[in-house]
Protein backbone atom coordinates (compact mmCIF):
# COMPACT_ATOMS: atom_id res chain seq x y z
CA UNK A 1 -90.99 26.40 1.19
CA UNK A 2 -89.88 23.52 -1.04
CA UNK A 3 -86.70 25.40 -1.99
CA UNK A 4 -85.91 25.97 1.66
CA UNK A 5 -86.35 22.29 2.48
CA UNK A 6 -84.18 21.27 -0.49
CA UNK A 7 -81.44 23.67 0.60
CA UNK A 8 -81.56 22.28 4.14
CA UNK A 9 -81.27 18.74 2.76
CA UNK A 10 -78.23 19.64 0.62
CA UNK A 11 -76.56 21.34 3.57
CA UNK A 12 -77.27 18.34 5.77
CA UNK A 13 -75.71 15.94 3.24
CA UNK A 14 -72.66 18.18 2.87
CA UNK A 15 -72.26 18.37 6.65
CA UNK A 16 -72.55 14.61 6.91
CA UNK A 17 -69.87 14.12 4.26
CA UNK A 18 -67.59 16.57 6.07
CA UNK A 19 -68.06 14.70 9.34
CA UNK A 20 -67.26 11.42 7.56
CA UNK A 21 -64.05 12.89 6.20
CA UNK A 22 -63.15 14.18 9.65
CA UNK A 23 -63.62 10.76 11.21
CA UNK A 24 -61.09 9.15 8.87
CA UNK A 25 -57.68 9.31 10.52
CA UNK A 26 -54.25 7.67 10.46
CA UNK A 27 -51.80 7.53 13.36
CA UNK A 28 -48.19 6.47 13.03
CA UNK A 29 -45.58 7.75 10.61
CA UNK A 30 -46.06 6.95 6.91
CA UNK A 31 -42.44 5.92 6.56
CA UNK A 32 -40.29 2.91 5.73
CA UNK A 33 -40.66 0.40 8.56
CA UNK A 34 -43.73 2.18 9.94
CA UNK A 35 -46.78 0.78 11.69
CA UNK A 36 -49.97 2.69 10.85
CA UNK A 37 -53.23 2.40 12.79
CA UNK A 38 -56.27 3.99 11.21
CA UNK A 39 -59.91 4.85 11.65
CA UNK A 40 -62.03 4.27 8.55
CA UNK A 41 -64.87 6.67 9.37
CA UNK A 42 -68.04 5.64 7.53
CA UNK A 43 -66.23 3.27 5.16
CA UNK A 44 -67.41 -0.35 5.39
CA UNK A 45 -64.46 -1.80 3.47
CA UNK A 46 -60.88 -0.65 3.03
CA UNK A 47 -57.94 -1.94 1.03
CA UNK A 48 -54.24 -1.16 0.73
CA UNK A 49 -52.86 -1.54 -2.79
CA UNK A 50 -55.89 -3.78 -3.54
CA UNK A 51 -55.26 -5.94 -0.45
CA UNK A 52 -58.36 -5.99 1.81
CA UNK A 53 -57.73 -4.85 5.38
CA UNK A 54 -59.59 -6.10 8.42
CA UNK A 55 -61.86 -3.64 10.20
CA UNK A 56 -62.96 -3.73 13.83
CA UNK A 57 -66.61 -3.10 14.68
CA UNK A 58 -65.82 0.58 15.20
CA UNK A 59 -63.81 0.91 11.99
CA UNK A 60 -60.21 0.53 13.18
CA UNK A 61 -57.53 -1.06 11.01
CA UNK A 62 -53.76 -1.34 10.73
CA UNK A 63 -51.03 -1.98 8.21
CA UNK A 64 -47.24 -2.08 8.08
CA UNK A 65 -44.83 -0.45 5.64
CA UNK A 66 -41.77 -2.37 4.50
CA UNK A 67 -38.20 -1.23 5.03
CA UNK A 68 -37.61 -0.76 1.31
CA UNK A 69 -41.09 0.48 0.34
CA UNK A 70 -40.88 3.46 -2.01
CA UNK A 71 -44.60 4.26 -2.29
CA UNK A 72 -46.93 5.83 -2.88
CA UNK A 73 -49.41 3.51 -1.17
CA UNK A 74 -53.01 3.47 -2.34
CA UNK A 75 -55.81 3.25 0.22
CA UNK A 76 -59.30 2.61 -1.14
CA UNK A 77 -62.31 3.27 1.09
CA UNK A 78 -65.63 1.71 0.10
CA UNK A 79 -68.89 3.12 1.46
CA UNK A 80 -72.25 1.48 2.00
CA UNK A 81 -73.87 3.54 -0.76
CA UNK A 82 -71.40 2.22 -3.35
CA UNK A 83 -69.06 5.20 -3.36
CA UNK A 84 -65.30 4.59 -3.42
CA UNK A 85 -62.64 7.04 -2.30
CA UNK A 86 -58.89 6.81 -2.98
CA UNK A 87 -56.11 8.24 -0.85
CA UNK A 88 -52.48 8.13 -1.99
CA UNK A 89 -49.91 8.01 0.79
CA UNK A 90 -46.36 9.19 0.17
CA UNK A 91 -43.81 7.07 2.06
CA UNK A 92 -40.98 8.90 3.81
CA UNK A 93 -37.55 7.46 3.08
CA UNK A 94 -35.18 6.64 5.94
CA UNK A 95 -31.40 6.41 6.13
CA UNK A 96 -30.18 3.07 7.47
CA UNK A 97 -27.14 2.42 9.63
CA UNK A 98 -24.35 -0.03 8.96
CA UNK A 99 -23.44 -2.46 11.74
CA UNK A 100 -20.35 -4.65 11.74
CA UNK A 101 -20.28 -7.75 13.94
CA UNK A 102 -17.11 -9.78 14.38
CA UNK A 103 -16.02 -12.82 16.31
CA UNK A 104 -18.70 -15.19 15.04
CA UNK A 105 -17.85 -18.80 14.15
CA UNK A 106 -17.53 -19.20 10.40
CA UNK A 107 -20.50 -21.60 10.32
CA UNK A 108 -22.74 -18.87 11.79
CA UNK A 109 -21.88 -16.55 8.91
CA UNK A 110 -21.96 -19.08 6.07
CA UNK A 111 -23.74 -22.26 7.23
CA UNK A 112 -22.56 -25.61 5.84
CA UNK A 113 -24.56 -26.89 2.87
CA UNK A 114 -25.64 -29.92 4.90
CA UNK A 115 -27.77 -27.56 7.03
CA UNK A 116 -29.72 -26.02 4.13
CA UNK A 117 -32.73 -28.33 4.59
CA UNK A 118 -32.91 -27.45 8.31
CA UNK A 119 -32.61 -23.71 7.61
CA UNK A 120 -35.34 -23.94 4.98
CA UNK A 121 -37.70 -25.72 7.40
CA UNK A 122 -37.06 -23.11 10.09
CA UNK A 123 -37.61 -20.26 7.65
CA UNK A 124 -41.02 -21.60 6.66
CA UNK A 125 -42.04 -22.28 10.26
CA UNK A 126 -41.52 -18.61 11.11
CA UNK A 127 -43.13 -17.49 7.86
CA UNK A 128 -46.23 -19.59 8.59
CA UNK A 129 -46.54 -18.13 12.09
CA UNK A 130 -46.35 -14.61 10.66
CA UNK A 131 -49.04 -15.43 8.10
CA UNK A 132 -51.66 -15.77 10.85
CA UNK A 133 -54.69 -13.63 10.01
CA UNK A 134 -56.81 -13.54 13.15
CA UNK A 135 -59.53 -11.18 14.35
CA UNK A 136 -57.75 -10.61 17.68
CA UNK A 137 -57.45 -6.95 18.66
CA UNK A 138 -54.74 -7.02 21.33
CA UNK A 139 -52.78 -4.54 19.19
CA UNK A 140 -55.19 -1.87 20.43
CA UNK A 141 -53.45 -1.99 23.84
CA UNK A 142 -50.38 -0.36 22.36
CA UNK A 143 -46.97 -2.01 22.37
CA UNK A 144 -44.74 -2.12 25.46
CA UNK A 145 -41.05 -2.98 25.33
CA UNK A 146 -40.50 -6.64 26.27
CA UNK A 147 -37.36 -5.62 28.21
CA UNK A 148 -35.74 -2.32 29.07
CA UNK A 149 -32.06 -1.59 28.62
CA UNK A 150 -29.44 -0.47 26.15
CA UNK A 151 -30.47 -0.87 22.51
CA UNK A 152 -27.40 -2.16 20.71
CA UNK A 153 -28.98 -3.22 17.45
CA UNK A 154 -31.53 -1.22 15.47
CA UNK A 155 -34.06 -2.12 12.82
CA UNK A 156 -33.07 -1.85 9.18
CA UNK A 157 -29.31 -1.64 9.63
CA UNK A 158 -27.19 -3.33 6.96
CA UNK A 159 -25.22 -5.99 8.76
CA UNK A 160 -21.74 -7.29 8.09
CA UNK A 161 -20.82 -10.51 9.90
CA UNK A 162 -17.05 -11.05 10.05
CA UNK A 163 -16.80 -8.60 7.15
CA UNK A 164 -19.41 -10.34 4.95
CA UNK A 165 -22.56 -8.43 3.96
CA UNK A 166 -25.78 -10.16 4.96
CA UNK A 167 -29.48 -9.20 5.15
CA UNK A 168 -30.63 -6.17 7.09
CA UNK A 169 -31.43 -6.41 10.79
CA UNK A 170 -35.13 -7.20 11.14
CA UNK A 171 -35.72 -6.04 14.72
CA UNK A 172 -34.15 -4.37 17.75
CA UNK A 173 -31.63 -5.85 20.16
CA UNK A 174 -31.77 -5.02 23.85
CA UNK A 175 -28.66 -5.92 25.85
CA UNK A 176 -29.64 -7.61 29.13
CA UNK A 177 -28.04 -10.20 31.42
CA UNK A 178 -28.95 -13.84 30.82
CA UNK A 179 -32.02 -14.83 32.80
CA UNK A 180 -33.72 -11.42 32.61
CA UNK A 181 -37.51 -11.83 32.12
CA UNK A 182 -38.88 -11.30 28.61
CA UNK A 183 -42.42 -9.94 28.73
CA UNK A 184 -45.19 -10.02 26.11
CA UNK A 185 -45.24 -6.66 24.38
CA UNK A 186 -49.02 -6.96 24.00
CA UNK A 187 -51.59 -9.64 24.63
CA UNK A 188 -52.07 -12.36 22.06
CA UNK A 189 -51.88 -16.03 21.21
CA UNK A 190 -48.61 -17.96 20.91
CA UNK A 191 -48.32 -19.29 17.35
CA UNK A 192 -44.75 -20.64 17.39
CA UNK A 193 -42.35 -22.03 19.96
CA UNK A 194 -39.02 -23.53 18.94
CA UNK A 195 -36.32 -24.68 21.33
CA UNK A 196 -33.33 -24.21 19.07
CA UNK A 197 -33.36 -22.69 15.59
CA UNK A 198 -29.96 -22.34 13.96
CA UNK A 199 -29.97 -18.54 13.75
CA UNK A 200 -32.84 -17.54 16.08
CA UNK A 201 -32.10 -19.96 18.92
CA UNK A 202 -35.02 -20.33 21.31
CA UNK A 203 -37.85 -18.36 19.70
CA UNK A 204 -41.46 -17.43 20.48
CA UNK A 205 -43.93 -15.78 18.08
CA UNK A 206 -47.10 -14.13 19.40
CA UNK A 207 -50.06 -13.12 17.25
CA UNK A 208 -51.58 -9.79 18.36
CA UNK A 209 -54.28 -9.86 15.67
CA UNK A 210 -54.92 -8.38 12.21
CA UNK A 211 -51.57 -9.76 10.98
CA UNK A 212 -49.45 -8.05 13.63
CA UNK A 213 -46.99 -10.42 15.34
CA UNK A 214 -44.02 -10.18 17.68
CA UNK A 215 -41.03 -12.53 17.59
CA UNK A 216 -38.63 -12.96 20.52
CA UNK A 217 -35.26 -14.59 19.74
CA UNK A 218 -32.13 -15.97 21.44
CA UNK A 219 -33.86 -16.75 24.75
CA UNK A 220 -32.33 -19.09 27.32
CA UNK A 221 -35.68 -20.45 28.46
CA UNK A 222 -39.23 -20.42 27.10
CA UNK A 223 -42.15 -20.33 29.53
CA UNK A 224 -45.13 -20.63 27.14
CA UNK A 225 -46.41 -23.13 24.61
CA UNK A 226 -48.22 -22.91 21.27
CA UNK A 227 -51.87 -21.98 21.74
CA UNK A 228 -51.34 -20.15 25.03
CA UNK A 229 -53.24 -16.86 25.34
CA UNK A 230 -50.92 -14.39 27.03
CA UNK A 231 -51.55 -10.97 28.54
CA UNK A 232 -49.51 -7.82 28.04
CA UNK A 233 -46.54 -7.83 30.43
CA UNK A 234 -46.66 -11.57 31.11
CA UNK A 235 -43.25 -13.26 31.35
CA UNK A 236 -42.89 -15.55 28.33
CA UNK A 237 -39.22 -16.48 28.66
CA UNK A 238 -35.75 -15.43 29.78
CA UNK A 239 -33.01 -13.53 27.97
CA UNK A 240 -30.23 -15.70 26.61
CA UNK A 241 -27.63 -16.05 23.88
CA UNK A 242 -28.86 -19.01 21.83
CA UNK A 243 -28.54 -19.22 18.05
CA UNK A 244 -26.43 -16.63 16.20
CA UNK A 245 -25.50 -14.39 19.11
CA UNK A 246 -22.30 -12.90 20.50
CA UNK A 247 -23.70 -12.34 24.01
CA UNK A 248 -26.88 -12.23 26.10
CA UNK A 249 -29.55 -10.00 24.59
CA UNK A 250 -33.15 -9.99 23.44
CA UNK A 251 -33.94 -9.64 19.75
CA UNK A 252 -37.51 -8.38 19.31
CA UNK A 253 -39.00 -8.14 15.86
CA UNK A 254 -42.41 -6.95 14.73
CA UNK A 255 -44.18 -7.89 11.53
CA UNK A 256 -47.39 -7.25 9.67
CA UNK A 257 -47.73 -10.61 7.95
CA UNK A 258 -44.41 -10.87 6.04
CA UNK A 259 -43.70 -7.13 6.19
CA UNK A 260 -41.09 -6.27 8.82
CA UNK A 261 -41.80 -3.21 10.98
CA UNK A 262 -39.49 -1.13 13.17
CA UNK A 263 -40.41 -1.99 16.80
CA UNK A 264 -38.53 1.03 18.14
CA UNK A 265 -40.84 3.40 16.22
CA UNK A 266 -44.02 1.42 16.91
CA UNK A 267 -43.61 0.88 20.67
CA UNK A 268 -44.41 3.20 23.54
CA UNK A 269 -41.38 4.90 25.13
CA UNK A 270 -39.19 2.42 26.98
CA UNK A 271 -39.72 2.43 30.73
CA UNK A 272 -36.36 2.69 32.40
CA UNK A 273 -36.03 1.13 35.86
CA UNK A 274 -35.87 3.74 38.60
CA UNK A 275 -32.50 4.16 40.27
CA UNK A 276 -32.58 2.96 43.86
CA UNK A 277 -31.75 5.60 46.41
CA UNK A 278 -30.58 4.23 49.73
CA UNK A 279 -31.87 5.91 52.87
CA UNK A 280 -29.44 8.08 54.79
CA UNK A 281 -28.62 7.19 58.39
CA UNK A 282 -29.15 9.96 60.90
C-alpha cells in the first residue's frame, strides 16, 4: 500500500512538472529586431542575459531583440521552490536592405558643429523617455498601425543620405498626406512631447509598459501633452514633414528600453481603407 502511494506521488509530481513546462511559451519570432511576448508558467522570476524581466500577475513578460543581436540569448526561470531552469534561444539573422535618399540640405546630412549641443540634448531626451520602466500592461492589447498606407521605409535598412552612409533606419515610414491623423498604436502614457527636434521634428513618445515604447516623428501637429493617458486608436497628432524629411510621412519606431524593434514584424496586419463603391443609377 505504501509503495502504491509513493508511486502515485511520484507520478503526480512528474505530471505537475510536465504541465509547468507546457505552460511556458513564447510568441513572436526569435530574430533580429523581434518583439517576444512570453508566458512564464510556474516561474516566479525570469531574467534575460541576467537582466530581470517584469512579470504580470498571470506570468506574462516581454523583451526585444536588437537589430545586430547575434545570440544566443539566455533565459533563466526561477521557481518558488528554489529551482532554476535555463533556456538558450538562438537568434535568427536577417538580411537588411540599403536605402538611398537624395535631395536633402547638406546641414541635414552633416549638421554644423554649432548644433552639437542641441543634438546631444535631444538625443538624451528621447533616450530618457525610452528608459521608462512602468508596470503598465497596454502592450497586451496588441499593436495597431498608427496610420495605413504605403510603407516606403523599413526597419533596419542601411541608409545613405546624399551618398553618405549613416545609421540604420530605426522604424518604419508610412507615406501619407500632411494632416492625416496619427493614432496611438496601443494605449499608454505620453512620456515625451517635443515641438521641433532637429532630425525628428515634432515627436511624441508613448510608454506602453514593461519598457515597450512607441515614437512618432515628423508630425505637423501634436494633440497630446506629457502625462496624458491615451487609448489605442486615439488621435495623437497629424502627419507632417518636420525635421529631416523629404516629404509628408509618419515615422513610427518601437523600442524595448534602448533596444530598437521592427514595428512591421511586431504589429497586427495593416488595415487598408476599403475602396468606396459608388451606387449605380437605375
